[in-house]
Amino acid sequence: MTELFRRASVIATAIGLFASATQSQSVLAQSGAKIPTRLLGAITAASRDSLGTQIVVRPLSNGSVMVNDVARRRVLLFDPDLQKFSVVIDSGSTTGSAMASAVPSAQLIRYDGDSTLYVDLATQALLVLDNSGKVARVMALPRPTDAIYLSATAFGPASVDPKGRLVYRGMRPPKITPPEPGSKVMSIPQQSDSGPILRADFDQRTVDTVTTLKVLQPGAMTLTQEGTNMSLKLVVNPMDTGDEWGMLPDGTIAILRAHDYHVDWVTPDGKITSSPKMAFDWKPMTDAQKQFKLDSIRPELQKAIDAQPPQMVPTAEGPRRIRMQFDFVPIKKLSDYEPSIAPGALKVDPKGNLWIVPRTSAGANGGVLYDVVDRKGQVTERVQFPKGYALAGFGDGGDEVYLIRVDGKVAFLERAKLR
């Protein structure tokens, strides 16, 4: 069932991203004092070689940058000018187990100095990469079965706190509903709408829960068997949204609450504080607009499901292949307002500021506007990105940003001045 949940989480993330892409574009409303808006600085470097459309960057102190090209299942090390790269890890670097081949590891975790942690799902361990991309050593996880949470983008960015503890999002045990006697429809255990933020101590080999957040649910799942045919059906809510989180350099965890657009702060000693709600352009939606959104998402979601590798499950008659299907919840169960954020909406810069892209964010040139939020939970400025660009990460010193520019089915890595 773990693989079914993982695939459902992939679909849930895709739903959030597709719903975000079909949003109506408007400038955020101002509240109180006017929030300054400025342009991003000049582009200083651009890669010649293309990447997949999903990447994770890990800048190094010498100006080079490690890139996890998730969709193409490889990790690259680019020179400071982004013109040349070497291959650190490719699809043949793991053992090729069923889990490793089905789930590309989508993290590059900043570790001690210029070293980086990469999750190897085949061994459920962490590879420690040095600044040249070589494997310096292998570290065992305090709880090896959590490797799946550390690798998938649906669980957010894992980090290492100042005390060397690994912080990541996990998943609560699913709720199990027994099937009706004689029924051909089997209810799949349903994921909880709450997820824990976990902290793993390598020295003590312990894992504890720091706090919890609302998570994006994949939807109600049912499994039907007719003879040798099996179908897994997802009933999804494309306007459901989950909280986003990230860790500041001092180990404080920031949780962006999606329901009212405010930030909760959890310090390393467990103290929790809440910032006031931030200005947001809440956009009401009519039933016609909701239906338009469903019609827009349906073909893209079908493509995402069709792209999933075949899933086999054991039965009394032998292994059977599952066909995945989906449907949407009734319109009356959809929210009357456009959700505030989409999956992956929050990133933390080296100075401890939160960079948030709201779902309704768009500037005059068609590019997105990022809200820059300080430790007090206040939007200090809004930064206008060029059209077609998104934030991939920050330079090692915090004065530069790495961008992903999508061109059709491929993308390119670029670097720009912050100001």
Protein backbone atom coordinates (compact mmCIF):
# COMPACT_ATOMS: atom_id res chain seq x y z
CA MET A 1 0.00 0.00 0.00
CA THR A 2 2.94 2.36 0.53
CA GLU A 3 3.50 2.63 -3.19
CA LEU A 4 -0.20 3.37 -3.77
CA PHE A 5 -0.03 6.20 -1.24
CA ARG A 6 3.11 7.55 -2.88
CA ARG A 7 1.50 7.56 -6.30
CA ALA A 8 -1.61 9.18 -4.89
CA SER A 9 0.58 11.88 -3.32
CA VAL A 10 2.20 12.49 -6.71
CA ILE A 11 -1.26 12.94 -8.23
CA ALA A 12 -2.32 15.24 -5.37
CA THR A 13 0.72 17.43 -5.96
CA ALA A 14 0.01 17.48 -9.69
CA ILE A 15 -3.56 18.57 -8.99
CA GLY A 16 -2.35 21.51 -6.94
CA LEU A 17 0.12 22.57 -9.61
CA PHE A 18 -2.39 22.23 -12.46
CA ALA A 19 -5.01 24.15 -10.49
CA SER A 20 -2.46 26.88 -9.84
CA ALA A 21 -1.58 27.07 -13.55
CA THR A 22 -5.20 27.70 -14.50
CA GLN A 23 -5.69 30.49 -11.97
CA SER A 24 -7.01 33.91 -12.90
CA GLN A 25 -4.13 36.35 -12.82
CA SER A 26 -4.39 39.53 -10.75
CA VAL A 27 -2.18 41.81 -8.72
CA LEU A 28 -2.31 41.19 -4.99
CA ALA A 29 -4.41 43.61 -2.97
CA GLN A 30 -2.53 45.97 -0.70
CA SER A 31 -3.49 46.19 2.96
CA GLY A 32 -2.40 48.99 5.27
CA ALA A 33 0.93 50.55 4.35
CA LYS A 34 1.87 50.10 0.72
CA ILE A 35 4.23 47.16 0.17
CA PRO A 36 7.08 48.08 -2.21
CA THR A 37 7.40 46.06 -5.42
CA ARG A 38 10.64 45.79 -7.36
CA LEU A 39 12.13 43.87 -10.26
CA LEU A 40 14.52 40.99 -9.84
CA GLY A 41 18.14 41.85 -10.67
CA ALA A 42 19.93 41.12 -13.94
CA ILE A 43 20.61 37.61 -15.28
CA THR A 44 24.34 36.87 -14.90
CA ALA A 45 24.63 33.27 -16.17
CA ALA A 46 22.55 30.75 -18.11
CA SER A 47 23.03 27.07 -18.88
CA ARG A 48 23.32 25.91 -22.49
CA ASP A 49 22.24 22.36 -21.74
CA SER A 50 18.60 21.64 -21.06
CA LEU A 51 17.15 20.04 -17.95
CA GLY A 52 13.83 18.52 -17.01
CA THR A 53 11.10 20.83 -15.74
CA GLN A 54 11.59 19.86 -12.09
CA ILE A 55 14.93 20.65 -10.45
CA VAL A 56 16.44 21.12 -6.99
CA VAL A 57 19.59 23.23 -6.59
CA ARG A 58 22.38 23.09 -3.99
CA PRO A 59 24.79 26.06 -4.37
CA LEU A 60 28.37 25.59 -3.11
CA SER A 61 30.76 28.15 -1.64
CA ASN A 62 33.11 28.05 -4.67
CA GLY A 63 30.34 29.30 -6.99
CA SER A 64 29.48 25.92 -8.53
CA VAL A 65 26.00 24.47 -8.10
CA MET A 66 24.72 20.92 -7.75
CA VAL A 67 21.43 20.27 -9.54
CA ASN A 68 19.03 17.38 -9.01
CA ASP A 69 17.36 16.95 -12.39
CA VAL A 70 14.49 14.98 -10.89
CA ALA A 71 12.51 13.93 -13.96
CA ARG A 72 15.66 12.77 -15.78
CA ARG A 73 16.90 10.93 -12.66
CA ARG A 74 20.34 12.46 -12.46
CA VAL A 75 22.38 14.86 -10.33
CA LEU A 76 24.73 17.28 -12.10
CA LEU A 77 27.49 19.59 -10.87
CA PHE A 78 27.64 22.84 -12.86
CA ASP A 79 30.67 25.12 -13.03
CA PRO A 80 30.16 28.69 -11.71
CA ASP A 81 29.43 30.01 -15.22
CA LEU A 82 26.81 27.22 -15.79
CA GLN A 83 28.43 26.36 -19.14
CA LYS A 84 29.84 22.96 -18.20
CA PHE A 85 28.74 20.19 -15.89
CA SER A 86 29.81 16.78 -14.68
CA VAL A 87 27.46 13.90 -13.84
CA VAL A 88 27.37 13.12 -10.12
CA ILE A 89 24.56 10.53 -10.07
CA ASP A 90 22.53 9.08 -12.92
CA SER A 91 19.73 6.52 -13.23
CA GLY A 92 22.25 3.68 -13.14
CA SER A 93 23.89 4.79 -9.90
CA THR A 94 21.50 2.89 -7.61
CA THR A 95 20.80 -0.82 -7.39
CA GLY A 96 17.77 -0.55 -9.65
CA SER A 97 15.31 -1.98 -7.13
CA ALA A 98 11.58 -1.60 -7.80
CA MET A 99 11.28 1.27 -5.34
CA ALA A 100 14.34 3.09 -6.65
CA SER A 101 13.17 2.84 -10.23
CA ALA A 102 9.65 4.01 -9.38
CA VAL A 103 10.63 6.98 -7.19
CA PRO A 104 13.30 9.45 -8.27
CA SER A 105 15.00 11.03 -5.25
CA ALA A 106 13.99 14.68 -5.34
CA GLN A 107 16.19 16.20 -2.61
CA LEU A 108 19.66 17.69 -2.21
CA ILE A 109 20.03 18.41 1.49
CA ARG A 110 22.59 20.95 2.69
CA TYR A 111 24.88 19.27 5.24
CA ASP A 112 28.13 20.17 6.96
CA GLY A 113 30.10 22.82 5.02
CA ASP A 114 29.90 22.10 1.31
CA SER A 115 28.77 18.50 1.74
CA THR A 116 25.35 17.40 0.57
CA LEU A 117 23.01 14.57 1.52
CA TYR A 118 21.30 12.57 -1.21
CA VAL A 119 18.68 9.91 -0.41
CA ASP A 120 19.40 6.52 -1.96
CA LEU A 121 16.05 4.74 -1.88
CA ALA A 122 17.57 1.45 -2.99
CA THR A 123 19.50 1.16 0.29
CA GLN A 124 17.29 3.46 2.43
CA ALA A 125 20.42 5.39 3.36
CA LEU A 126 21.98 8.81 2.80
CA LEU A 127 24.91 9.39 0.46
CA VAL A 128 27.22 12.15 1.68
CA LEU A 129 28.52 13.99 -1.41
CA ASP A 130 31.57 16.25 -1.17
CA ASN A 131 32.01 19.53 -3.08
CA SER A 132 33.31 17.64 -6.14
CA GLY A 133 30.27 15.37 -6.21
CA LYS A 134 32.11 12.29 -4.95
CA VAL A 135 30.49 9.99 -2.40
CA ALA A 136 32.51 10.61 0.76
CA ARG A 137 30.59 8.14 2.92
CA VAL A 138 27.19 6.58 3.52
CA MET A 139 25.01 7.39 6.55
CA ALA A 140 22.28 5.16 7.95
CA LEU A 141 18.98 6.85 8.72
CA PRO A 142 17.74 6.61 12.32
CA ARG A 143 14.53 5.21 10.81
CA PRO A 144 15.35 3.75 7.37
CA THR A 145 11.71 3.34 6.31
CA ASP A 146 11.42 7.16 6.33
CA ALA A 147 13.63 7.35 3.23
CA ILE A 148 10.50 7.61 1.07
CA TYR A 149 9.45 10.80 2.89
CA LEU A 150 12.89 12.33 2.44
CA SER A 151 12.95 11.74 -1.29
CA ALA A 152 9.51 12.75 -2.58
CA THR A 153 8.71 16.39 -3.38
CA ALA A 154 5.18 15.93 -2.02
CA PHE A 155 6.64 15.96 1.51
CA GLY A 156 8.48 19.27 1.18
CA PRO A 157 12.15 20.19 1.66
CA ALA A 158 14.19 18.23 4.20
CA SER A 159 16.84 20.18 6.12
CA VAL A 160 19.59 19.73 8.69
CA ASP A 161 19.33 21.98 11.76
CA PRO A 162 22.32 23.68 13.51
CA LYS A 163 22.68 20.65 15.84
CA GLY A 164 23.02 18.24 12.91
CA ARG A 165 19.53 16.76 13.23
CA LEU A 166 17.56 15.90 10.10
CA VAL A 167 14.17 17.65 9.86
CA TYR A 168 11.56 16.40 7.40
CA ARG A 169 7.83 15.82 6.95
CA GLY A 170 6.37 12.40 7.51
CA MET A 171 2.95 10.80 7.26
CA ARG A 172 0.52 9.58 9.90
CA PRO A 173 -0.71 5.96 9.75
CA PRO A 174 -3.67 5.72 7.37
CA LYS A 175 -7.23 5.21 8.59
CA ILE A 176 -8.44 1.71 7.77
CA THR A 177 -12.11 1.00 6.99
CA PRO A 178 -13.05 -2.72 6.79
CA PRO A 179 -14.76 -3.70 3.49
CA GLU A 180 -18.42 -4.69 3.42
CA PRO A 181 -18.89 -8.48 3.42
CA GLY A 182 -19.06 -9.81 -0.14
CA SER A 183 -18.39 -6.39 -1.68
CA LYS A 184 -16.28 -6.16 -4.82
CA VAL A 185 -15.30 -2.61 -3.85
CA MET A 186 -12.50 -2.42 -1.30
CA SER A 187 -11.88 0.82 0.57
CA ILE A 188 -8.21 1.76 0.61
CA PRO A 189 -6.83 3.12 3.92
CA GLN A 190 -7.28 6.90 3.80
CA GLN A 191 -4.45 9.32 4.50
CA SER A 192 -4.87 11.64 7.47
CA ASP A 193 -5.26 15.36 6.75
CA SER A 194 -2.51 16.07 9.30
CA GLY A 195 1.20 15.36 8.81
CA PRO A 196 4.04 15.46 11.34
CA ILE A 197 7.28 17.41 11.03
CA LEU A 198 9.89 14.94 12.26
CA ARG A 199 13.38 15.44 13.68
CA ALA A 200 15.92 12.61 13.49
CA ASP A 201 18.96 12.56 15.78
CA PHE A 202 21.86 10.64 14.20
CA ASP A 203 23.75 10.30 17.49
CA GLN A 204 20.86 9.07 19.62
CA ARG A 205 19.22 7.18 16.71
CA THR A 206 15.85 8.64 17.69
CA VAL A 207 13.03 10.36 15.81
CA ASP A 208 10.58 12.77 17.48
CA THR A 209 7.67 14.91 16.27
CA VAL A 210 8.28 18.67 16.34
CA THR A 211 4.87 19.89 15.17
CA THR A 212 2.11 19.11 12.67
CA LEU A 213 0.61 20.75 9.59
CA LYS A 214 -2.34 20.26 7.27
CA VAL A 215 -1.36 18.14 4.29
CA LEU A 216 -2.73 17.90 0.78
CA GLN A 217 -4.83 14.75 0.62
CA PRO A 218 -4.73 12.54 -2.48
CA GLY A 219 -8.49 11.93 -2.28
CA ALA A 220 -10.76 9.03 -1.40
CA MET A 221 -9.49 5.78 -2.90
CA THR A 222 -11.40 2.61 -3.71
CA LEU A 223 -10.13 -0.62 -5.25
CA THR A 224 -12.49 -2.67 -7.42
CA GLN A 225 -11.90 -6.19 -8.73
CA GLU A 226 -13.88 -7.72 -11.59
CA GLY A 227 -12.40 -11.09 -12.49
CA THR A 228 -8.74 -10.52 -13.23
CA ASN A 229 -9.19 -6.75 -13.70
CA MET A 230 -8.52 -4.31 -10.86
CA SER A 231 -9.19 -0.58 -10.81
CA LEU A 232 -8.00 2.01 -8.31
CA LYS A 233 -10.27 5.06 -8.35
CA LEU A 234 -9.32 8.42 -6.87
CA VAL A 235 -12.02 10.99 -6.08
CA VAL A 236 -10.08 14.22 -5.77
CA ASN A 237 -10.68 17.82 -4.74
CA PRO A 238 -8.54 20.06 -6.96
CA MET A 239 -9.17 23.03 -4.67
CA ASP A 240 -7.88 21.30 -1.57
CA THR A 241 -4.65 22.79 -0.32
CA GLY A 242 -2.09 21.98 2.32
CA ASP A 243 0.23 24.03 4.50
CA GLU A 244 3.79 24.67 3.35
CA TRP A 245 6.87 24.68 5.55
CA GLY A 246 10.57 25.41 5.62
CA MET A 247 13.43 25.70 8.12
CA LEU A 248 15.30 28.93 8.85
CA PRO A 249 19.12 28.93 9.28
CA ASP A 250 18.74 29.04 13.10
CA GLY A 251 16.60 25.89 13.13
CA THR A 252 13.23 27.65 13.50
CA ILE A 253 10.49 25.98 11.49
CA ALA A 254 8.10 28.25 9.57
CA ILE A 255 4.68 26.87 8.66
CA LEU A 256 2.61 28.82 6.15
CA ARG A 257 -1.02 28.17 7.00
CA ALA A 258 -2.96 27.92 3.76
CA HIS A 259 -6.44 28.56 5.18
CA ASP A 260 -5.78 32.20 6.15
CA TYR A 261 -2.27 33.02 4.87
CA HIS A 262 -0.34 33.48 8.10
CA VAL A 263 2.88 31.97 9.46
CA ASP A 264 3.40 29.88 12.60
CA TRP A 265 6.93 29.72 13.98
CA VAL A 266 8.33 26.76 15.94
CA THR A 267 11.70 27.45 17.59
CA PRO A 268 14.21 24.63 18.24
CA ASP A 269 13.16 24.54 21.91
CA GLY A 270 9.52 23.94 20.91
CA LYS A 271 8.07 27.43 21.47
CA ILE A 272 5.24 28.22 19.02
CA THR A 273 4.22 31.74 18.01
CA SER A 274 1.86 32.99 15.31
CA SER A 275 2.19 36.03 13.06
CA PRO A 276 -0.85 38.06 11.96
CA LYS A 277 -2.60 37.27 8.69
CA MET A 278 -0.82 38.73 5.68
CA ALA A 279 -2.43 40.72 2.88
CA PHE A 280 -3.97 38.44 0.28
CA ASP A 281 -6.30 38.85 -2.68
CA TRP A 282 -8.98 36.30 -1.82
CA LYS A 283 -10.80 35.58 -5.08
CA PRO A 284 -14.38 34.25 -4.89
CA MET A 285 -15.35 31.58 -7.42
CA THR A 286 -18.73 30.98 -9.02
CA ASP A 287 -19.99 27.49 -9.92
CA ALA A 288 -19.23 28.28 -13.56
CA GLN A 289 -15.63 29.17 -12.71
CA LYS A 290 -15.29 25.99 -10.67
CA GLN A 291 -16.53 23.90 -13.58
CA PHE A 292 -14.13 25.67 -15.93
CA LYS A 293 -11.27 24.81 -13.57
CA LEU A 294 -12.28 21.15 -13.46
CA ASP A 295 -12.52 20.99 -17.25
CA SER A 296 -9.08 22.63 -17.56
CA ILE A 297 -7.39 20.29 -15.10
CA ARG A 298 -8.93 17.02 -16.32
CA PRO A 299 -6.75 16.40 -19.44
CA GLU A 300 -3.51 17.34 -17.65
CA LEU A 301 -4.35 15.14 -14.68
CA GLN A 302 -5.09 12.25 -17.02
CA LYS A 303 -1.64 12.70 -18.54
CA ALA A 304 -0.06 12.58 -15.07
CA ILE A 305 -1.90 9.35 -14.26
CA ASP A 306 -1.02 7.79 -17.61
CA ALA A 307 2.65 8.61 -16.98
CA GLN A 308 2.74 6.55 -13.77
CA PRO A 309 4.50 3.16 -14.13
CA PRO A 310 2.22 0.08 -13.98
CA GLN A 311 1.43 -1.09 -10.45
CA MET A 312 1.06 -4.78 -9.62
CA VAL A 313 -0.63 -6.09 -6.45
CA PRO A 314 -0.69 -9.65 -5.08
CA THR A 315 -4.06 -11.47 -5.00
CA ALA A 316 -5.18 -15.02 -4.23
CA GLU A 317 -5.15 -15.68 -7.98
CA GLY A 318 -1.68 -14.22 -8.47
CA PRO A 319 -0.34 -10.74 -9.28
CA ARG A 320 -2.76 -8.35 -10.92
CA ARG A 321 -2.18 -5.04 -12.65
CA ILE A 322 -4.10 -2.05 -11.34
CA ARG A 323 -5.65 0.51 -13.67
CA MET A 324 -5.80 3.97 -12.08
CA GLN A 325 -8.85 6.19 -12.63
CA PHE A 326 -9.99 9.49 -11.17
CA ASP A 327 -13.01 11.69 -10.75
CA PHE A 328 -13.70 15.03 -9.05
CA VAL A 329 -15.79 15.71 -5.97
CA PRO A 330 -19.14 17.46 -6.62
CA ILE A 331 -18.89 21.20 -7.27
CA LYS A 332 -20.85 21.94 -4.09
CA LYS A 333 -17.94 20.49 -2.08
CA LEU A 334 -15.38 22.82 -3.67
CA SER A 335 -14.21 25.91 -1.81
CA ASP A 336 -15.93 29.19 -2.68
CA TYR A 337 -12.54 30.92 -2.85
CA GLU A 338 -9.37 30.32 -4.84
CA PRO A 339 -6.86 28.58 -2.51
CA SER A 340 -4.02 30.78 -1.31
CA ILE A 341 -1.02 28.64 -2.28
CA ALA A 342 0.03 25.67 -4.39
CA PRO A 343 2.50 22.87 -3.52
CA GLY A 344 6.08 24.20 -3.37
CA ALA A 345 4.96 27.80 -2.78
CA LEU A 346 7.51 28.54 -0.03
CA LYS A 347 11.31 28.78 -0.02
CA VAL A 348 13.65 30.10 2.68
CA ASP A 349 16.65 32.28 1.79
CA PRO A 350 20.02 32.20 3.63
CA LYS A 351 19.02 35.29 5.64
CA GLY A 352 15.91 33.64 7.05
CA ASN A 353 13.32 35.37 4.84
CA LEU A 354 10.41 33.41 3.39
CA TRP A 355 9.77 33.69 -0.35
CA ILE A 356 6.16 32.84 -1.11
CA VAL A 357 4.39 32.77 -4.46
CA PRO A 358 0.61 33.05 -3.90
CA ARG A 359 -1.72 31.29 -6.30
CA THR A 360 -3.26 34.58 -7.43
CA SER A 361 0.09 36.29 -7.96
CA ALA A 362 0.92 37.88 -11.30
CA GLY A 363 2.61 41.12 -12.21
CA ALA A 364 2.20 43.55 -15.08
CA ASN A 365 4.60 41.60 -17.33
CA GLY A 366 2.87 38.25 -16.73
CA GLY A 367 5.63 36.99 -14.43
CA VAL A 368 4.93 35.98 -10.84
CA LEU A 369 5.30 38.26 -7.82
CA TYR A 370 6.97 36.70 -4.80
CA ASP A 371 6.01 37.88 -1.31
CA VAL A 372 9.18 38.30 0.78
CA VAL A 373 8.28 37.74 4.44
CA ASP A 374 10.52 38.57 7.41
CA ARG A 375 10.82 36.82 10.80
CA LYS A 376 7.92 38.92 12.12
CA GLY A 377 5.62 37.43 9.51
CA GLN A 378 5.31 40.69 7.59
CA VAL A 379 5.52 41.09 3.82
CA THR A 380 8.45 43.51 3.47
CA GLU A 381 8.51 43.64 -0.32
CA ARG A 382 7.31 41.94 -3.46
CA VAL A 383 9.79 40.86 -6.14
CA GLN A 384 8.74 40.72 -9.78
CA PHE A 385 10.17 37.81 -11.79
CA PRO A 386 10.45 37.79 -15.57
CA LYS A 387 7.69 36.00 -17.44
CA GLY A 388 8.32 32.26 -17.70
CA TYR A 389 10.74 32.13 -14.75
CA ALA A 390 10.40 30.61 -11.29
CA LEU A 391 12.63 30.55 -8.22
CA ALA A 392 14.77 27.40 -7.93
CA GLY A 393 16.96 28.44 -4.99
CA PHE A 394 19.41 30.93 -3.57
CA GLY A 395 23.13 31.47 -3.99
CA ASP A 396 25.43 30.48 -1.16
CA GLY A 397 25.79 34.06 0.09
CA GLY A 398 22.15 35.01 -0.36
CA ASP A 399 22.83 37.82 -2.86
CA GLU A 400 21.99 35.76 -5.95
CA VAL A 401 19.12 33.52 -6.96
CA TYR A 402 18.91 30.49 -9.22
CA LEU A 403 16.02 30.44 -11.67
CA ILE A 404 14.37 27.80 -13.78
CA ARG A 405 13.17 28.91 -17.21
CA VAL A 406 10.77 26.48 -18.82
CA ASP A 407 10.67 26.27 -22.60
CA GLY A 408 8.10 23.71 -23.67
CA LYS A 409 9.07 20.30 -22.27
CA VAL A 410 12.59 21.34 -21.25
CA ALA A 411 14.04 23.87 -18.85
CA PHE A 412 17.22 25.85 -18.37
CA LEU A 413 19.06 26.93 -15.24
CA GLU A 414 19.92 30.61 -14.88
CA ARG A 415 21.41 32.79 -12.17
CA ALA A 416 20.45 36.41 -11.38
CA LYS A 417 21.35 39.16 -8.97
CA LEU A 418 18.88 39.49 -6.13
CA ARG A 419 18.83 43.27 -6.67
